[in-house]
Amino acid sequence: MRCIAFLRSMNVRGQTVSMDYLRTVFEAEAFTRVETFLETGNVIFDGDAEDPAGLERVIEQMLSDALGYEVATFIRTDAEVRNISKYTPFMPAFIKAAAALSVAMFKQPLDDNQARAVVALKTKNDTFHVHGREVYWLSQTKLAESVISNAVFEVTVGRPSALRGINTIRQLAQKYGPR
């Protein structure tokens, strides 16, 4: 099955990981049809998605061994990425008028308390919608200008997440989604 690994904290602490090296690391562990997308740690490969948590642990250990630091990994199948890209959490007019629509991915769905806490982060410029393992973030300003960040989501929920812009998700779905 075609899988996409969304990697968190790939290039941190002054370290830079080339996408060529990242592909080599995956291929050395017998992953097949490995590709990377953009320079932000999106790795596409054929894998067994029946146990995504187990696959995430294998990749996290592999990357820790290869890079010397932890890289939180969030696996989605090509079908899941397509569904994320097509999901409409806000009215289309609001999306069109916004400066950014992003998606924070978590390993497991948020429970009711976590979801309420995320939605309560709402500001005059930022609105949130929780759907399963994803938090959709609609911002009226550039993300760099917002008081909200992926770190805020992680503290609010109590676990790591990977944040991607909806355009990246849509491009991944178009290029790698199931036909």
N, C-alpha and C. Protein backbone atom coordinates (compact mmCIF):
# COMPACT_ATOMS: atom_id res chain seq x y z
N MET A 1 0.84 -1.17 0.00
CA MET A 1 0.00 0.00 0.00
C MET A 1 0.89 1.25 0.00
N ARG A 2 0.45 2.28 -0.68
CA ARG A 2 1.20 3.53 -0.72
C ARG A 2 0.97 4.30 0.57
N CYS A 3 2.05 4.67 1.24
CA CYS A 3 2.01 5.38 2.51
C CYS A 3 2.76 6.70 2.40
N ILE A 4 2.37 7.64 3.24
CA ILE A 4 3.08 8.90 3.33
C ILE A 4 3.44 9.12 4.78
N ALA A 5 4.73 9.33 5.02
CA ALA A 5 5.22 9.63 6.36
C ALA A 5 5.43 11.14 6.44
N PHE A 6 4.72 11.76 7.36
CA PHE A 6 4.90 13.18 7.64
C PHE A 6 5.83 13.25 8.84
N LEU A 7 6.99 13.84 8.63
CA LEU A 7 8.02 13.85 9.66
C LEU A 7 8.05 15.21 10.36
N ARG A 8 8.18 15.17 11.68
CA ARG A 8 8.25 16.38 12.50
C ARG A 8 9.69 16.60 12.92
N SER A 9 10.11 17.84 12.91
CA SER A 9 11.45 18.22 13.40
C SER A 9 12.58 17.61 12.59
N MET A 10 12.44 17.59 11.30
CA MET A 10 13.49 17.03 10.45
C MET A 10 14.76 17.86 10.49
N ASN A 11 14.64 19.13 10.30
CA ASN A 11 15.80 20.00 10.23
C ASN A 11 15.78 20.95 11.42
N VAL A 12 16.35 20.50 12.53
CA VAL A 12 16.36 21.27 13.77
C VAL A 12 17.77 21.35 14.33
N ARG A 13 17.92 22.22 15.30
CA ARG A 13 19.20 22.36 16.01
C ARG A 13 20.37 22.56 15.06
N GLY A 14 20.14 23.29 13.99
CA GLY A 14 21.22 23.57 13.05
C GLY A 14 21.59 22.41 12.13
N GLN A 15 20.89 21.30 12.25
CA GLN A 15 21.17 20.15 11.39
C GLN A 15 20.25 20.19 10.18
N THR A 16 20.79 19.87 9.04
CA THR A 16 20.01 19.82 7.82
C THR A 16 20.11 18.42 7.23
N VAL A 17 18.97 17.84 6.90
CA VAL A 17 18.93 16.50 6.31
C VAL A 17 18.48 16.66 4.87
N SER A 18 19.30 16.23 3.94
CA SER A 18 18.90 16.31 2.54
C SER A 18 17.84 15.25 2.26
N MET A 19 17.00 15.55 1.31
CA MET A 19 15.97 14.58 0.95
C MET A 19 16.59 13.37 0.27
N ASP A 20 17.73 13.54 -0.40
CA ASP A 20 18.44 12.39 -0.97
C ASP A 20 18.88 11.43 0.13
N TYR A 21 19.45 11.98 1.20
CA TYR A 21 19.88 11.14 2.31
C TYR A 21 18.68 10.46 2.97
N LEU A 22 17.60 11.19 3.12
CA LEU A 22 16.38 10.63 3.72
C LEU A 22 15.87 9.44 2.90
N ARG A 23 15.88 9.57 1.58
CA ARG A 23 15.47 8.45 0.72
C ARG A 23 16.39 7.26 0.93
N THR A 24 17.69 7.53 1.01
CA THR A 24 18.67 6.46 1.21
C THR A 24 18.42 5.71 2.52
N VAL A 25 18.09 6.45 3.56
CA VAL A 25 17.81 5.83 4.87
C VAL A 25 16.60 4.91 4.76
N PHE A 26 15.54 5.36 4.11
CA PHE A 26 14.34 4.53 3.95
C PHE A 26 14.64 3.30 3.09
N GLU A 27 15.35 3.50 1.99
CA GLU A 27 15.66 2.38 1.11
C GLU A 27 16.55 1.35 1.79
N ALA A 28 17.45 1.79 2.65
CA ALA A 28 18.34 0.87 3.37
C ALA A 28 17.55 -0.04 4.32
N GLU A 29 16.37 0.39 4.71
CA GLU A 29 15.51 -0.41 5.59
C GLU A 29 14.48 -1.21 4.80
N ALA A 30 14.70 -1.35 3.50
CA ALA A 30 13.88 -2.19 2.61
C ALA A 30 12.52 -1.58 2.27
N PHE A 31 12.34 -0.28 2.49
CA PHE A 31 11.13 0.37 1.98
C PHE A 31 11.31 0.51 0.47
N THR A 32 10.23 0.36 -0.29
CA THR A 32 10.32 0.40 -1.74
C THR A 32 9.57 1.60 -2.30
N ARG A 33 9.91 1.92 -3.55
CA ARG A 33 9.34 3.07 -4.27
C ARG A 33 9.35 4.33 -3.41
N VAL A 34 10.50 4.61 -2.81
CA VAL A 34 10.65 5.73 -1.90
C VAL A 34 10.84 7.02 -2.68
N GLU A 35 10.06 8.02 -2.32
CA GLU A 35 10.19 9.36 -2.89
C GLU A 35 10.03 10.36 -1.75
N THR A 36 10.56 11.55 -1.95
CA THR A 36 10.31 12.64 -1.01
C THR A 36 9.57 13.73 -1.75
N PHE A 37 8.87 14.54 -0.99
CA PHE A 37 8.08 15.63 -1.57
C PHE A 37 8.36 16.89 -0.78
N LEU A 38 8.88 17.88 -1.45
CA LEU A 38 9.31 19.14 -0.85
C LEU A 38 10.45 18.87 0.12
N GLU A 39 10.90 19.88 0.79
CA GLU A 39 12.05 19.76 1.70
C GLU A 39 11.61 19.73 3.15
N THR A 40 10.36 19.38 3.40
CA THR A 40 9.83 19.48 4.76
C THR A 40 9.62 18.15 5.45
N GLY A 41 10.10 17.08 4.86
CA GLY A 41 9.98 15.79 5.52
C GLY A 41 8.70 15.05 5.21
N ASN A 42 8.39 14.94 3.93
CA ASN A 42 7.27 14.13 3.47
C ASN A 42 7.87 12.99 2.67
N VAL A 43 7.70 11.76 3.14
CA VAL A 43 8.30 10.61 2.47
C VAL A 43 7.19 9.67 2.03
N ILE A 44 7.20 9.35 0.75
CA ILE A 44 6.19 8.48 0.17
C ILE A 44 6.87 7.14 -0.13
N PHE A 45 6.19 6.05 0.22
CA PHE A 45 6.79 4.73 0.04
C PHE A 45 5.70 3.67 0.04
N ASP A 46 6.06 2.48 -0.40
CA ASP A 46 5.17 1.33 -0.30
C ASP A 46 5.43 0.68 1.05
N GLY A 47 4.37 0.43 1.79
CA GLY A 47 4.53 -0.17 3.10
C GLY A 47 3.26 -0.84 3.58
N ASP A 48 3.37 -1.48 4.70
CA ASP A 48 2.24 -2.18 5.31
C ASP A 48 1.55 -1.23 6.28
N ALA A 49 0.41 -0.70 5.88
CA ALA A 49 -0.30 0.28 6.69
C ALA A 49 -1.34 -0.37 7.61
N GLU A 50 -1.31 -1.70 7.73
CA GLU A 50 -2.27 -2.36 8.61
C GLU A 50 -1.99 -2.06 10.07
N ASP A 51 -0.76 -1.75 10.40
CA ASP A 51 -0.37 -1.37 11.76
C ASP A 51 0.39 -0.04 11.70
N PRO A 52 -0.35 1.08 11.50
CA PRO A 52 0.35 2.36 11.35
C PRO A 52 1.18 2.73 12.57
N ALA A 53 0.71 2.41 13.77
CA ALA A 53 1.48 2.74 14.97
C ALA A 53 2.80 1.98 14.99
N GLY A 54 2.78 0.72 14.61
CA GLY A 54 4.00 -0.06 14.54
C GLY A 54 4.95 0.47 13.48
N LEU A 55 4.39 0.85 12.33
CA LEU A 55 5.19 1.42 11.25
C LEU A 55 5.81 2.75 11.69
N GLU A 56 5.05 3.56 12.39
CA GLU A 56 5.59 4.83 12.91
C GLU A 56 6.76 4.58 13.85
N ARG A 57 6.61 3.60 14.74
CA ARG A 57 7.70 3.29 15.68
C ARG A 57 8.95 2.82 14.95
N VAL A 58 8.78 1.97 13.94
CA VAL A 58 9.92 1.47 13.16
C VAL A 58 10.65 2.64 12.50
N ILE A 59 9.90 3.53 11.87
CA ILE A 59 10.52 4.67 11.17
C ILE A 59 11.17 5.62 12.17
N GLU A 60 10.52 5.87 13.29
CA GLU A 60 11.12 6.75 14.30
C GLU A 60 12.44 6.19 14.82
N GLN A 61 12.50 4.89 15.06
CA GLN A 61 13.75 4.29 15.53
C GLN A 61 14.82 4.34 14.44
N MET A 62 14.42 4.06 13.21
CA MET A 62 15.33 4.10 12.08
C MET A 62 15.92 5.50 11.92
N LEU A 63 15.08 6.52 12.02
CA LEU A 63 15.56 7.90 11.87
C LEU A 63 16.40 8.34 13.06
N SER A 64 16.04 7.91 14.24
CA SER A 64 16.85 8.23 15.42
C SER A 64 18.24 7.64 15.28
N ASP A 65 18.32 6.39 14.82
CA ASP A 65 19.61 5.74 14.61
C ASP A 65 20.43 6.46 13.54
N ALA A 66 19.77 6.86 12.45
CA ALA A 66 20.47 7.46 11.32
C ALA A 66 20.84 8.92 11.56
N LEU A 67 20.00 9.65 12.29
CA LEU A 67 20.20 11.09 12.43
C LEU A 67 20.73 11.52 13.79
N GLY A 68 20.52 10.67 14.79
CA GLY A 68 21.00 11.01 16.12
C GLY A 68 20.04 11.86 16.93
N TYR A 69 18.83 12.02 16.47
CA TYR A 69 17.81 12.73 17.23
C TYR A 69 16.43 12.19 16.86
N GLU A 70 15.46 12.46 17.72
CA GLU A 70 14.11 11.93 17.52
C GLU A 70 13.38 12.70 16.43
N VAL A 71 12.65 11.97 15.61
CA VAL A 71 11.82 12.55 14.56
C VAL A 71 10.44 11.90 14.67
N ALA A 72 9.49 12.64 15.23
CA ALA A 72 8.12 12.12 15.32
C ALA A 72 7.59 11.88 13.92
N THR A 73 6.93 10.74 13.73
CA THR A 73 6.47 10.31 12.42
C THR A 73 4.97 10.04 12.45
N PHE A 74 4.28 10.51 11.42
CA PHE A 74 2.84 10.37 11.33
C PHE A 74 2.51 9.76 9.97
N ILE A 75 2.00 8.52 10.01
CA ILE A 75 1.71 7.78 8.78
C ILE A 75 0.26 7.99 8.37
N ARG A 76 0.09 8.26 7.07
CA ARG A 76 -1.23 8.29 6.46
C ARG A 76 -1.13 7.52 5.15
N THR A 77 -2.18 6.78 4.82
CA THR A 77 -2.22 6.10 3.53
C THR A 77 -2.56 7.13 2.45
N ASP A 78 -2.35 6.74 1.20
CA ASP A 78 -2.69 7.65 0.11
C ASP A 78 -4.18 8.00 0.14
N ALA A 79 -5.03 7.04 0.49
CA ALA A 79 -6.47 7.31 0.58
C ALA A 79 -6.78 8.29 1.72
N GLU A 80 -6.10 8.15 2.83
CA GLU A 80 -6.31 9.08 3.94
C GLU A 80 -5.88 10.49 3.57
N VAL A 81 -4.77 10.61 2.87
CA VAL A 81 -4.31 11.94 2.44
C VAL A 81 -5.32 12.55 1.47
N ARG A 82 -5.84 11.73 0.58
CA ARG A 82 -6.88 12.23 -0.33
C ARG A 82 -8.08 12.73 0.46
N ASN A 83 -8.52 11.96 1.46
CA ASN A 83 -9.67 12.38 2.26
C ASN A 83 -9.39 13.66 3.04
N ILE A 84 -8.19 13.79 3.58
CA ILE A 84 -7.81 15.02 4.29
C ILE A 84 -7.87 16.21 3.34
N SER A 85 -7.38 16.01 2.13
CA SER A 85 -7.33 17.11 1.16
C SER A 85 -8.71 17.54 0.70
N LYS A 86 -9.66 16.63 0.69
CA LYS A 86 -11.01 16.94 0.22
C LYS A 86 -11.96 17.38 1.33
N TYR A 87 -11.58 17.17 2.56
CA TYR A 87 -12.45 17.51 3.68
C TYR A 87 -12.62 19.03 3.74
N THR A 88 -13.85 19.47 3.98
CA THR A 88 -14.15 20.89 4.04
C THR A 88 -14.62 21.24 5.45
N PRO A 89 -13.69 21.65 6.32
CA PRO A 89 -14.03 21.91 7.71
C PRO A 89 -14.67 23.28 7.94
N PHE A 90 -14.55 24.17 6.96
CA PHE A 90 -15.08 25.51 7.09
C PHE A 90 -15.83 25.86 5.81
N MET A 91 -16.68 26.87 5.88
CA MET A 91 -17.42 27.29 4.70
C MET A 91 -16.42 27.73 3.62
N PRO A 92 -16.66 27.34 2.36
CA PRO A 92 -15.72 27.68 1.29
C PRO A 92 -15.38 29.17 1.20
N ALA A 93 -16.34 30.04 1.45
CA ALA A 93 -16.07 31.48 1.40
C ALA A 93 -15.06 31.89 2.47
N PHE A 94 -15.13 31.27 3.65
CA PHE A 94 -14.17 31.58 4.71
C PHE A 94 -12.78 31.08 4.34
N ILE A 95 -12.73 29.90 3.73
CA ILE A 95 -11.44 29.35 3.31
C ILE A 95 -10.80 30.25 2.25
N LYS A 96 -11.61 30.68 1.30
CA LYS A 96 -11.11 31.53 0.22
C LYS A 96 -10.57 32.86 0.75
N ALA A 97 -11.21 33.40 1.77
CA ALA A 97 -10.81 34.70 2.32
C ALA A 97 -9.63 34.60 3.29
N ALA A 98 -9.31 33.41 3.74
CA ALA A 98 -8.26 33.23 4.75
C ALA A 98 -6.86 33.37 4.15
N ALA A 99 -5.91 33.67 5.02
CA ALA A 99 -4.51 33.72 4.60
C ALA A 99 -3.90 32.33 4.55
N ALA A 100 -4.40 31.42 5.40
CA ALA A 100 -3.81 30.07 5.45
C ALA A 100 -4.81 29.06 5.98
N LEU A 101 -4.75 27.87 5.43
CA LEU A 101 -5.46 26.71 5.96
C LEU A 101 -4.41 25.62 6.12
N SER A 102 -4.23 25.15 7.34
CA SER A 102 -3.23 24.14 7.64
C SER A 102 -3.86 22.97 8.36
N VAL A 103 -3.13 21.86 8.38
CA VAL A 103 -3.61 20.64 9.02
C VAL A 103 -2.52 20.13 9.97
N ALA A 104 -2.89 19.96 11.23
CA ALA A 104 -2.00 19.33 12.21
C ALA A 104 -2.43 17.87 12.32
N MET A 105 -1.47 16.97 12.14
CA MET A 105 -1.76 15.54 12.19
C MET A 105 -1.23 14.95 13.50
N PHE A 106 -2.06 14.13 14.11
CA PHE A 106 -1.71 13.44 15.35
C PHE A 106 -1.73 11.94 15.09
N LYS A 107 -1.13 11.18 15.98
CA LYS A 107 -1.09 9.72 15.81
C LYS A 107 -2.44 9.07 16.07
N GLN A 108 -3.15 9.55 17.09
CA GLN A 108 -4.48 9.02 17.41
C GLN A 108 -5.48 10.17 17.39
N PRO A 109 -6.76 9.83 17.25
CA PRO A 109 -7.79 10.88 17.32
C PRO A 109 -7.74 11.59 18.67
N LEU A 110 -8.09 12.85 18.66
CA LEU A 110 -8.16 13.61 19.90
C LEU A 110 -9.40 13.17 20.67
N ASP A 111 -9.28 13.08 21.99
CA ASP A 111 -10.46 12.76 22.79
C ASP A 111 -11.28 14.05 22.94
N ASP A 112 -12.46 13.94 23.56
CA ASP A 112 -13.36 15.09 23.66
C ASP A 112 -12.73 16.27 24.39
N ASN A 113 -12.01 16.01 25.47
CA ASN A 113 -11.36 17.09 26.22
C ASN A 113 -10.29 17.78 25.39
N GLN A 114 -9.48 17.00 24.68
CA GLN A 114 -8.44 17.57 23.83
C GLN A 114 -9.06 18.40 22.70
N ALA A 115 -10.10 17.87 22.10
CA ALA A 115 -10.77 18.59 21.01
C ALA A 115 -11.34 19.91 21.50
N ARG A 116 -12.00 19.89 22.66
CA ARG A 116 -12.54 21.14 23.22
C ARG A 116 -11.42 22.14 23.51
N ALA A 117 -10.31 21.65 24.02
CA ALA A 117 -9.18 22.54 24.34
C ALA A 117 -8.61 23.18 23.08
N VAL A 118 -8.53 22.43 21.99
CA VAL A 118 -8.02 22.98 20.74
C VAL A 118 -8.99 24.02 20.19
N VAL A 119 -10.28 23.69 20.17
CA VAL A 119 -11.27 24.64 19.66
C VAL A 119 -11.28 25.92 20.50
N ALA A 120 -11.00 25.79 21.79
CA ALA A 120 -10.98 26.94 22.69
C ALA A 120 -9.79 27.86 22.43
N LEU A 121 -8.83 27.44 21.62
CA LEU A 121 -7.70 28.31 21.25
C LEU A 121 -8.11 29.42 20.29
N LYS A 122 -9.34 29.39 19.83
CA LYS A 122 -9.83 30.34 18.83
C LYS A 122 -9.49 31.78 19.23
N THR A 123 -9.04 32.53 18.23
CA THR A 123 -8.76 33.96 18.40
C THR A 123 -9.56 34.70 17.33
N LYS A 124 -9.41 36.02 17.28
CA LYS A 124 -10.12 36.76 16.23
C LYS A 124 -9.60 36.39 14.84
N ASN A 125 -8.37 35.86 14.77
CA ASN A 125 -7.77 35.50 13.48
C ASN A 125 -7.66 34.00 13.22
N ASP A 126 -7.85 33.19 14.23
CA ASP A 126 -7.60 31.75 14.11
C ASP A 126 -8.82 30.95 14.56
N THR A 127 -9.21 29.99 13.72
CA THR A 127 -10.33 29.11 14.02
C THR A 127 -9.88 27.68 13.78
N PHE A 128 -10.44 26.75 14.56
CA PHE A 128 -9.99 25.36 14.51
C PHE A 128 -11.16 24.41 14.39
N HIS A 129 -10.89 23.30 13.74
CA HIS A 129 -11.87 22.22 13.59
C HIS A 129 -11.14 20.90 13.78
N VAL A 130 -11.66 20.07 14.65
CA VAL A 130 -11.05 18.77 14.92
C VAL A 130 -11.86 17.71 14.18
N HIS A 131 -11.13 16.85 13.45
CA HIS A 131 -11.76 15.77 12.71
C HIS A 131 -10.85 14.54 12.78
N GLY A 132 -11.18 13.63 13.69
CA GLY A 132 -10.38 12.42 13.84
C GLY A 132 -8.99 12.72 14.33
N ARG A 133 -7.98 12.33 13.53
CA ARG A 133 -6.58 12.55 13.91
C ARG A 133 -6.04 13.88 13.40
N GLU A 134 -6.89 14.71 12.82
CA GLU A 134 -6.44 15.98 12.25
C GLU A 134 -7.12 17.17 12.92
N VAL A 135 -6.36 18.25 13.01
CA VAL A 135 -6.88 19.55 13.42
C VAL A 135 -6.69 20.48 12.23
N TYR A 136 -7.79 21.05 11.76
CA TYR A 136 -7.75 22.00 10.66
C TYR A 136 -7.69 23.40 11.27
N TRP A 137 -6.76 24.21 10.79
CA TRP A 137 -6.51 25.54 11.33
C TRP A 137 -6.67 26.57 10.22
N LEU A 138 -7.68 27.40 10.36
CA LEU A 138 -7.95 28.47 9.41
C LEU A 138 -7.47 29.78 10.03
N SER A 139 -6.56 30.46 9.34
CA SER A 139 -5.98 31.68 9.88
C SER A 139 -6.19 32.85 8.92
N GLN A 140 -6.57 33.97 9.50
CA GLN A 140 -6.76 35.19 8.71
C GLN A 140 -5.44 35.94 8.51
N THR A 141 -4.39 35.48 9.16
CA THR A 141 -3.06 36.08 9.02
C THR A 141 -2.08 34.99 8.58
N LYS A 142 -0.90 35.40 8.20
CA LYS A 142 0.14 34.42 7.92
C LYS A 142 0.43 33.67 9.22
N LEU A 143 0.75 32.40 9.10
CA LEU A 143 0.97 31.60 10.30
C LEU A 143 2.08 32.17 11.17
N ALA A 144 3.10 32.72 10.56
CA ALA A 144 4.22 33.29 11.33
C ALA A 144 3.78 34.50 12.16
N GLU A 145 2.66 35.10 11.81
CA GLU A 145 2.15 36.27 12.54
C GLU A 145 1.13 35.88 13.61
N SER A 146 0.76 34.63 13.67
CA SER A 146 -0.25 34.17 14.61
C SER A 146 0.37 33.87 15.97
N VAL A 147 -0.45 33.98 17.01
CA VAL A 147 -0.01 33.58 18.35
C VAL A 147 -0.10 32.06 18.51
N ILE A 148 -0.73 31.41 17.56
CA ILE A 148 -0.88 29.95 17.56
C ILE A 148 0.25 29.35 16.73
N SER A 149 0.68 28.15 17.11
CA SER A 149 1.71 27.43 16.36
C SER A 149 1.50 25.94 16.58
N ASN A 150 2.28 25.14 15.88
CA ASN A 150 2.24 23.71 16.10
C ASN A 150 2.62 23.39 17.54
N ALA A 151 3.57 24.13 18.10
CA ALA A 151 3.97 23.92 19.50
C ALA A 151 2.78 24.16 20.44
N VAL A 152 1.94 25.12 20.13
CA VAL A 152 0.75 25.37 20.96
C VAL A 152 -0.19 24.17 20.89
N PHE A 153 -0.38 23.60 19.70
CA PHE A 153 -1.21 22.40 19.58
C PHE A 153 -0.64 21.27 20.43
N GLU A 154 0.67 21.08 20.34
CA GLU A 154 1.31 19.98 21.06
C GLU A 154 1.16 20.14 22.57
N VAL A 155 1.32 21.35 23.07
CA VAL A 155 1.15 21.59 24.51
C VAL A 155 -0.31 21.40 24.91
N THR A 156 -1.21 21.91 24.09
CA THR A 156 -2.65 21.81 24.39
C THR A 156 -3.12 20.37 24.43
N VAL A 157 -2.66 19.57 23.48
CA VAL A 157 -3.09 18.18 23.36
C VAL A 157 -2.23 17.24 24.21
N GLY A 158 -0.97 17.63 24.44
CA GLY A 158 -0.08 16.80 25.24
C GLY A 158 0.66 15.74 24.46
N ARG A 159 0.75 15.94 23.14
CA ARG A 159 1.52 15.00 22.30
C ARG A 159 1.93 15.69 21.00
N PRO A 160 2.93 15.12 20.32
CA PRO A 160 3.45 15.77 19.11
C PRO A 160 2.48 15.71 17.94
N SER A 161 2.71 16.62 17.02
CA SER A 161 1.94 16.65 15.78
C SER A 161 2.83 17.16 14.65
N ALA A 162 2.41 16.91 13.44
CA ALA A 162 3.09 17.43 12.25
C ALA A 162 2.12 18.38 11.57
N LEU A 163 2.59 19.57 11.24
CA LEU A 163 1.75 20.59 10.63
C LEU A 163 2.14 20.76 9.17
N ARG A 164 1.14 20.74 8.29
CA ARG A 164 1.36 20.98 6.87
C ARG A 164 0.27 21.92 6.35
N GLY A 165 0.63 22.73 5.37
CA GLY A 165 -0.35 23.56 4.69
C GLY A 165 -1.25 22.71 3.82
N ILE A 166 -2.48 23.16 3.65
CA ILE A 166 -3.44 22.38 2.86
C ILE A 166 -2.97 22.24 1.41
N ASN A 167 -2.25 23.23 0.89
CA ASN A 167 -1.77 23.10 -0.48
C ASN A 167 -0.78 21.95 -0.63
N THR A 168 0.07 21.75 0.36
CA THR A 168 0.99 20.60 0.35
C THR A 168 0.20 19.30 0.38
N ILE A 169 -0.80 19.23 1.25
CA ILE A 169 -1.64 18.03 1.35
C ILE A 169 -2.34 17.76 0.02
N ARG A 170 -2.88 18.81 -0.59
CA ARG A 170 -3.58 18.63 -1.87
C ARG A 170 -2.62 18.19 -2.97
N GLN A 171 -1.42 18.75 -2.99
CA GLN A 171 -0.44 18.34 -3.99
C GLN A 171 -0.04 16.88 -3.80
N LEU A 172 0.15 16.47 -2.54
CA LEU A 172 0.46 15.07 -2.26
C LEU A 172 -0.68 14.16 -2.71
N ALA A 173 -1.91 14.56 -2.42
CA ALA A 173 -3.08 13.75 -2.80
C ALA A 173 -3.18 13.63 -4.31
N GLN A 174 -2.91 14.71 -5.01
CA GLN A 174 -3.00 14.68 -6.46
C GLN A 174 -1.90 13.82 -7.07
N LYS A 175 -0.68 13.97 -6.55
CA LYS A 175 0.44 13.23 -7.13
C LYS A 175 0.48 11.77 -6.71
N TYR A 176 0.12 11.48 -5.46
CA TYR A 176 0.30 10.13 -4.92
C TYR A 176 -0.99 9.44 -4.52
N GLY A 177 -2.11 10.13 -4.66
CA GLY A 177 -3.38 9.54 -4.22
C GLY A 177 -3.79 8.35 -5.05
N PRO A 178 -4.67 7.54 -4.49
CA PRO A 178 -5.15 6.35 -5.23
C PRO A 178 -5.92 6.79 -6.46
N ARG A 179 -5.84 6.01 -7.47
CA ARG A 179 -6.53 6.33 -8.74
C ARG A 179 -7.83 5.60 -8.84
